[in-house]
Amino acid sequence: MKKITTIFSLVVLIGCSTTQSNIKTDSIETFNLGNYNEFNIKINNANMSAEVNPIVLERFKENLKTAIEERGLKYNSDSKIVFDINFTTKETVESDPLNFYYSRYYYDYYRYRDDIYNVTQNILRVNLRNLEDDKTLWTVVTVWRDGSNRSISYDDASNMLVDEIMISFL
């Protein structure tokens, strides 16, 4: 029984450690969030398409605000550093080539027939800007497909994304 428990624990540990993060971060070399006392968060509504749910973005903004306040910074609408939340969707066309498709009832000899479909990708980018110097200090981007469990429309996924963003500040 002890061997089974040990093997099961190793499988779970390896499975958890190989989960890839869905975010990419970048920052300037001298950036340290600890050097600031206050912050502001804005959602960029300028080029937002009608497909974007503003309620989901507001919820993500509140989750991010709460997490940053837990790090010791204070929310101030006149702060010199601003988290800009940018959200957009992108349609891509993908295809699966079918060569000699076999079903239970027939062979399909159309060599060049493709299954073509549209895929909607959602892109969320958060930039941390210093308004005094007009420079971007830090940025994070994440991409997911419609219906994915990584979508910020799910509370768990939104909270996990905010947690990953907070880890990037360490």
C-alpha atoms as a PDB file:
ATOM      1  CA  MET A   1       0.000   0.000   0.000  1.00  0.00           C
ATOM      2  CA  LYS A   2       2.877   2.337   0.778  1.00  0.00           C
ATOM      3  CA  LYS A   3       4.349   1.807  -2.710  1.00  0.00           C
ATOM      4  CA  ILE A   4       1.022   2.617  -4.382  1.00  0.00           C
ATOM      5  CA  THR A   5       0.677   5.802  -2.344  1.00  0.00           C
ATOM      6  CA  THR A   6       4.240   6.831  -3.213  1.00  0.00           C
ATOM      7  CA  ILE A   7       3.717   6.176  -6.939  1.00  0.00           C
ATOM      8  CA  PHE A   8       0.402   8.038  -6.925  1.00  0.00           C
ATOM      9  CA  SER A   9       2.028  10.995  -5.145  1.00  0.00           C
ATOM     10  CA  LEU A  10       4.824  11.104  -7.721  1.00  0.00           C
ATOM     11  CA  VAL A  11       2.343  11.014 -10.611  1.00  0.00           C
ATOM     12  CA  VAL A  12       0.365  13.897  -9.116  1.00  0.00           C
ATOM     13  CA  LEU A  13       3.548  15.880  -8.389  1.00  0.00           C
ATOM     14  CA  ILE A  14       4.894  15.409 -11.921  1.00  0.00           C
ATOM     15  CA  GLY A  15       1.514  16.238 -13.421  1.00  0.00           C
ATOM     16  CA  CYS A  16       1.241  19.456 -11.455  1.00  0.00           C
ATOM     17  CA  SER A  17       4.800  20.534 -12.167  1.00  0.00           C
ATOM     18  CA  THR A  18       4.458  20.125 -15.932  1.00  0.00           C
ATOM     19  CA  THR A  19       1.403  22.360 -16.256  1.00  0.00           C
ATOM     20  CA  GLN A  20       2.438  25.248 -18.463  1.00  0.00           C
ATOM     21  CA  SER A  21       1.569  28.802 -17.688  1.00  0.00           C
ATOM     22  CA  ASN A  22      -0.599  30.547 -20.239  1.00  0.00           C
ATOM     23  CA  ILE A  23       0.930  33.992 -19.744  1.00  0.00           C
ATOM     24  CA  LYS A  24       3.996  35.757 -21.071  1.00  0.00           C
ATOM     25  CA  THR A  25       5.488  38.648 -19.121  1.00  0.00           C
ATOM     26  CA  ASP A  26       8.157  41.193 -19.887  1.00  0.00           C
ATOM     27  CA  SER A  27       9.520  44.165 -17.982  1.00  0.00           C
ATOM     28  CA  ILE A  28      12.339  46.645 -18.039  1.00  0.00           C
ATOM     29  CA  GLU A  29      15.359  45.564 -16.009  1.00  0.00           C
ATOM     30  CA  THR A  30      15.069  48.254 -13.331  1.00  0.00           C
ATOM     31  CA  PHE A  31      11.374  47.690 -12.606  1.00  0.00           C
ATOM     32  CA  ASN A  32      10.348  46.751  -9.066  1.00  0.00           C
ATOM     33  CA  LEU A  33       6.720  47.020  -7.966  1.00  0.00           C
ATOM     34  CA  GLY A  34       7.906  47.558  -4.390  1.00  0.00           C
ATOM     35  CA  ASN A  35       9.194  51.012  -5.378  1.00  0.00           C
ATOM     36  CA  TYR A  36       5.631  52.323  -5.708  1.00  0.00           C
ATOM     37  CA  ASN A  37       2.991  53.108  -3.110  1.00  0.00           C
ATOM     38  CA  GLU A  38      -0.128  53.605  -5.219  1.00  0.00           C
ATOM     39  CA  PHE A  39      -1.622  52.522  -8.536  1.00  0.00           C
ATOM     40  CA  ASN A  40      -4.563  53.017 -10.868  1.00  0.00           C
ATOM     41  CA  ILE A  41      -6.301  50.576 -13.217  1.00  0.00           C
ATOM     42  CA  LYS A  42      -7.976  51.526 -16.486  1.00  0.00           C
ATOM     43  CA  ILE A  43      -9.761  49.471 -19.111  1.00  0.00           C
ATOM     44  CA  ASN A  44      -9.017  50.557 -22.666  1.00  0.00           C
ATOM     45  CA  ASN A  45     -12.454  50.895 -24.265  1.00  0.00           C
ATOM     46  CA  ALA A  46     -11.256  52.705 -27.410  1.00  0.00           C
ATOM     47  CA  ASN A  47     -11.119  49.788 -29.864  1.00  0.00           C
ATOM     48  CA  MET A  48     -13.163  47.202 -28.005  1.00  0.00           C
ATOM     49  CA  SER A  49     -15.396  45.082 -30.224  1.00  0.00           C
ATOM     50  CA  ALA A  50     -19.003  44.249 -29.444  1.00  0.00           C
ATOM     51  CA  GLU A  51     -18.025  40.610 -28.730  1.00  0.00           C
ATOM     52  CA  VAL A  52     -16.253  41.655 -25.533  1.00  0.00           C
ATOM     53  CA  ASN A  53     -18.314  41.339 -22.371  1.00  0.00           C
ATOM     54  CA  PRO A  54     -17.656  44.474 -20.258  1.00  0.00           C
ATOM     55  CA  ILE A  55     -18.955  42.784 -17.093  1.00  0.00           C
ATOM     56  CA  VAL A  56     -16.231  40.132 -17.353  1.00  0.00           C
ATOM     57  CA  LEU A  57     -13.565  42.819 -17.782  1.00  0.00           C
ATOM     58  CA  GLU A  58     -14.875  44.771 -14.788  1.00  0.00           C
ATOM     59  CA  ARG A  59     -14.762  41.595 -12.679  1.00  0.00           C
ATOM     60  CA  PHE A  60     -11.166  40.926 -13.812  1.00  0.00           C
ATOM     61  CA  LYS A  61     -10.281  44.543 -12.970  1.00  0.00           C
ATOM     62  CA  GLU A  62     -11.684  44.163  -9.453  1.00  0.00           C
ATOM     63  CA  ASN A  63      -9.804  40.869  -8.938  1.00  0.00           C
ATOM     64  CA  LEU A  64      -6.561  42.517 -10.075  1.00  0.00           C
ATOM     65  CA  LYS A  65      -7.206  45.572  -7.883  1.00  0.00           C
ATOM     66  CA  THR A  66      -7.784  43.404  -4.813  1.00  0.00           C
ATOM     67  CA  ALA A  67      -4.622  41.371  -5.450  1.00  0.00           C
ATOM     68  CA  ILE A  68      -2.452  44.469  -5.880  1.00  0.00           C
ATOM     69  CA  GLU A  69      -3.898  46.047  -2.728  1.00  0.00           C
ATOM     70  CA  GLU A  70      -2.977  42.849  -0.864  1.00  0.00           C
ATOM     71  CA  ARG A  71       0.628  43.478  -1.956  1.00  0.00           C
ATOM     72  CA  GLY A  72       0.523  46.767  -0.016  1.00  0.00           C
ATOM     73  CA  LEU A  73      -0.190  49.330  -2.736  1.00  0.00           C
ATOM     74  CA  LYS A  74      -3.112  51.729  -2.437  1.00  0.00           C
ATOM     75  CA  TYR A  75      -5.617  52.409  -5.208  1.00  0.00           C
ATOM     76  CA  ASN A  76      -5.570  56.068  -6.288  1.00  0.00           C
ATOM     77  CA  SER A  77      -7.216  57.385  -9.462  1.00  0.00           C
ATOM     78  CA  ASP A  78      -4.499  60.090  -9.718  1.00  0.00           C
ATOM     79  CA  SER A  79      -1.557  57.690  -9.426  1.00  0.00           C
ATOM     80  CA  LYS A  80       1.476  58.044 -11.688  1.00  0.00           C
ATOM     81  CA  ILE A  81       1.501  54.306 -12.495  1.00  0.00           C
ATOM     82  CA  VAL A  82      -1.465  52.801 -14.329  1.00  0.00           C
ATOM     83  CA  PHE A  83      -2.379  49.226 -15.202  1.00  0.00           C
ATOM     84  CA  ASP A  84      -3.941  49.412 -18.689  1.00  0.00           C
ATOM     85  CA  ILE A  85      -6.198  46.448 -19.483  1.00  0.00           C
ATOM     86  CA  ASN A  86      -6.533  45.807 -23.222  1.00  0.00           C
ATOM     87  CA  PHE A  87      -8.813  43.072 -24.535  1.00  0.00           C
ATOM     88  CA  THR A  88      -9.427  42.094 -28.141  1.00  0.00           C
ATOM     89  CA  THR A  89     -10.653  39.155 -30.182  1.00  0.00           C
ATOM     90  CA  LYS A  90      -9.100  37.772 -33.339  1.00  0.00           C
ATOM     91  CA  GLU A  91     -10.715  35.456 -35.867  1.00  0.00           C
ATOM     92  CA  THR A  92      -8.505  32.879 -37.551  1.00  0.00           C
ATOM     93  CA  VAL A  93      -9.378  30.309 -40.182  1.00  0.00           C
ATOM     94  CA  GLU A  94      -8.141  26.784 -39.582  1.00  0.00           C
ATOM     95  CA  SER A  95      -8.554  23.575 -41.510  1.00  0.00           C
ATOM     96  CA  ASP A  96      -8.134  19.856 -41.077  1.00  0.00           C
ATOM     97  CA  PRO A  97      -7.130  18.124 -44.309  1.00  0.00           C
ATOM     98  CA  LEU A  98      -8.973  14.895 -44.995  1.00  0.00           C
ATOM     99  CA  ASN A  99      -7.173  12.464 -47.256  1.00  0.00           C
ATOM    100  CA  PHE A 100      -9.026   9.250 -48.006  1.00  0.00           C
ATOM    101  CA  TYR A 101     -11.449   9.651 -45.152  1.00  0.00           C
ATOM    102  CA  TYR A 102     -12.849   6.300 -44.115  1.00  0.00           C
ATOM    103  CA  SER A 103     -16.126   5.866 -42.407  1.00  0.00           C
ATOM    104  CA  ARG A 104     -17.955   2.711 -41.541  1.00  0.00           C
ATOM    105  CA  TYR A 105     -20.060   2.932 -44.697  1.00  0.00           C
ATOM    106  CA  TYR A 106     -17.898   4.418 -47.451  1.00  0.00           C
ATOM    107  CA  TYR A 107     -14.479   5.605 -48.578  1.00  0.00           C
ATOM    108  CA  ASP A 108     -14.088   9.283 -49.477  1.00  0.00           C
ATOM    109  CA  TYR A 109     -11.663   9.714 -52.379  1.00  0.00           C
ATOM    110  CA  TYR A 110     -11.713  13.525 -52.485  1.00  0.00           C
ATOM    111  CA  ARG A 111      -8.052  14.237 -51.785  1.00  0.00           C
ATOM    112  CA  TYR A 112      -8.259  17.997 -51.490  1.00  0.00           C
ATOM    113  CA  ARG A 113     -11.382  18.448 -49.436  1.00  0.00           C
ATOM    114  CA  ASP A 114     -10.797  20.305 -46.171  1.00  0.00           C
ATOM    115  CA  ASP A 115     -12.872  20.948 -43.105  1.00  0.00           C
ATOM    116  CA  ILE A 116     -12.590  24.723 -42.719  1.00  0.00           C
ATOM    117  CA  TYR A 117     -13.729  26.514 -39.595  1.00  0.00           C
ATOM    118  CA  ASN A 118     -13.289  29.814 -37.763  1.00  0.00           C
ATOM    119  CA  VAL A 119     -11.593  30.007 -34.408  1.00  0.00           C
ATOM    120  CA  THR A 120     -12.004  33.017 -32.139  1.00  0.00           C
ATOM    121  CA  GLN A 121      -8.955  33.833 -30.077  1.00  0.00           C
ATOM    122  CA  ASN A 122      -9.226  36.183 -27.115  1.00  0.00           C
ATOM    123  CA  ILE A 123      -6.174  38.271 -26.271  1.00  0.00           C
ATOM    124  CA  LEU A 124      -5.762  40.024 -22.931  1.00  0.00           C
ATOM    125  CA  ARG A 125      -2.812  42.344 -22.392  1.00  0.00           C
ATOM    126  CA  VAL A 126      -2.131  44.270 -19.205  1.00  0.00           C
ATOM    127  CA  ASN A 127       0.492  47.027 -19.388  1.00  0.00           C
ATOM    128  CA  LEU A 128       1.919  48.863 -16.406  1.00  0.00           C
ATOM    129  CA  ARG A 129       2.751  52.397 -17.493  1.00  0.00           C
ATOM    130  CA  ASN A 130       4.549  55.220 -15.741  1.00  0.00           C
ATOM    131  CA  LEU A 131       2.632  58.339 -16.782  1.00  0.00           C
ATOM    132  CA  GLU A 132       5.362  60.768 -15.676  1.00  0.00           C
ATOM    133  CA  ASP A 133       7.992  59.208 -17.953  1.00  0.00           C
ATOM    134  CA  ASP A 134       5.458  57.948 -20.529  1.00  0.00           C
ATOM    135  CA  LYS A 135       7.071  54.488 -20.489  1.00  0.00           C
ATOM    136  CA  THR A 136       5.797  50.948 -20.216  1.00  0.00           C
ATOM    137  CA  LEU A 137       7.441  49.300 -17.198  1.00  0.00           C
ATOM    138  CA  TRP A 138       5.881  45.837 -17.329  1.00  0.00           C
ATOM    139  CA  THR A 139       3.510  43.879 -19.580  1.00  0.00           C
ATOM    140  CA  VAL A 140       1.687  40.554 -19.553  1.00  0.00           C
ATOM    141  CA  VAL A 141      -0.269  38.840 -22.338  1.00  0.00           C
ATOM    142  CA  THR A 142      -2.444  35.742 -22.427  1.00  0.00           C
ATOM    143  CA  VAL A 143      -4.375  34.122 -25.272  1.00  0.00           C
ATOM    144  CA  TRP A 144      -7.211  31.592 -25.180  1.00  0.00           C
ATOM    145  CA  ARG A 145      -9.897  30.266 -27.514  1.00  0.00           C
ATOM    146  CA  ASP A 146     -13.619  30.800 -27.074  1.00  0.00           C
ATOM    147  CA  GLY A 147     -15.085  28.227 -24.722  1.00  0.00           C
ATOM    148  CA  SER A 148     -11.744  27.454 -23.105  1.00  0.00           C
ATOM    149  CA  ASN A 149     -11.593  26.814 -19.378  1.00  0.00           C
ATOM    150  CA  ARG A 150      -8.829  29.472 -19.284  1.00  0.00           C
ATOM    151  CA  SER A 151     -11.322  32.186 -20.217  1.00  0.00           C
ATOM    152  CA  ILE A 152     -11.524  35.043 -17.719  1.00  0.00           C
ATOM    153  CA  SER A 153     -15.302  34.742 -17.862  1.00  0.00           C
ATOM    154  CA  TYR A 154     -14.913  31.850 -15.413  1.00  0.00           C
ATOM    155  CA  ASP A 155     -14.209  33.042 -11.870  1.00  0.00           C
ATOM    156  CA  ASP A 156     -11.647  30.314 -11.214  1.00  0.00           C
ATOM    157  CA  ALA A 157      -9.707  31.085 -14.401  1.00  0.00           C
ATOM    158  CA  SER A 158      -9.817  34.816 -13.699  1.00  0.00           C
ATOM    159  CA  ASN A 159      -8.479  34.289 -10.187  1.00  0.00           C
ATOM    160  CA  MET A 160      -5.758  31.926 -11.451  1.00  0.00           C
ATOM    161  CA  LEU A 161      -4.679  34.491 -14.050  1.00  0.00           C
ATOM    162  CA  VAL A 162      -4.482  37.219 -11.411  1.00  0.00           C
ATOM    163  CA  ASP A 163      -2.440  34.860  -9.198  1.00  0.00           C
ATOM    164  CA  GLU A 164      -0.016  34.173 -12.077  1.00  0.00           C
ATOM    165  CA  ILE A 165       0.295  37.903 -12.693  1.00  0.00           C
ATOM    166  CA  MET A 166       1.086  38.497  -9.014  1.00  0.00           C
ATOM    167  CA  ILE A 167       3.720  35.743  -9.083  1.00  0.00           C
ATOM    168  CA  SER A 168       5.426  37.519 -11.983  1.00  0.00           C
ATOM    169  CA  PHE A 169       6.074  40.499  -9.673  1.00  0.00           C
ATOM    170  CA  LEU A 170       8.181  38.417  -7.274  1.00  0.00           C
END
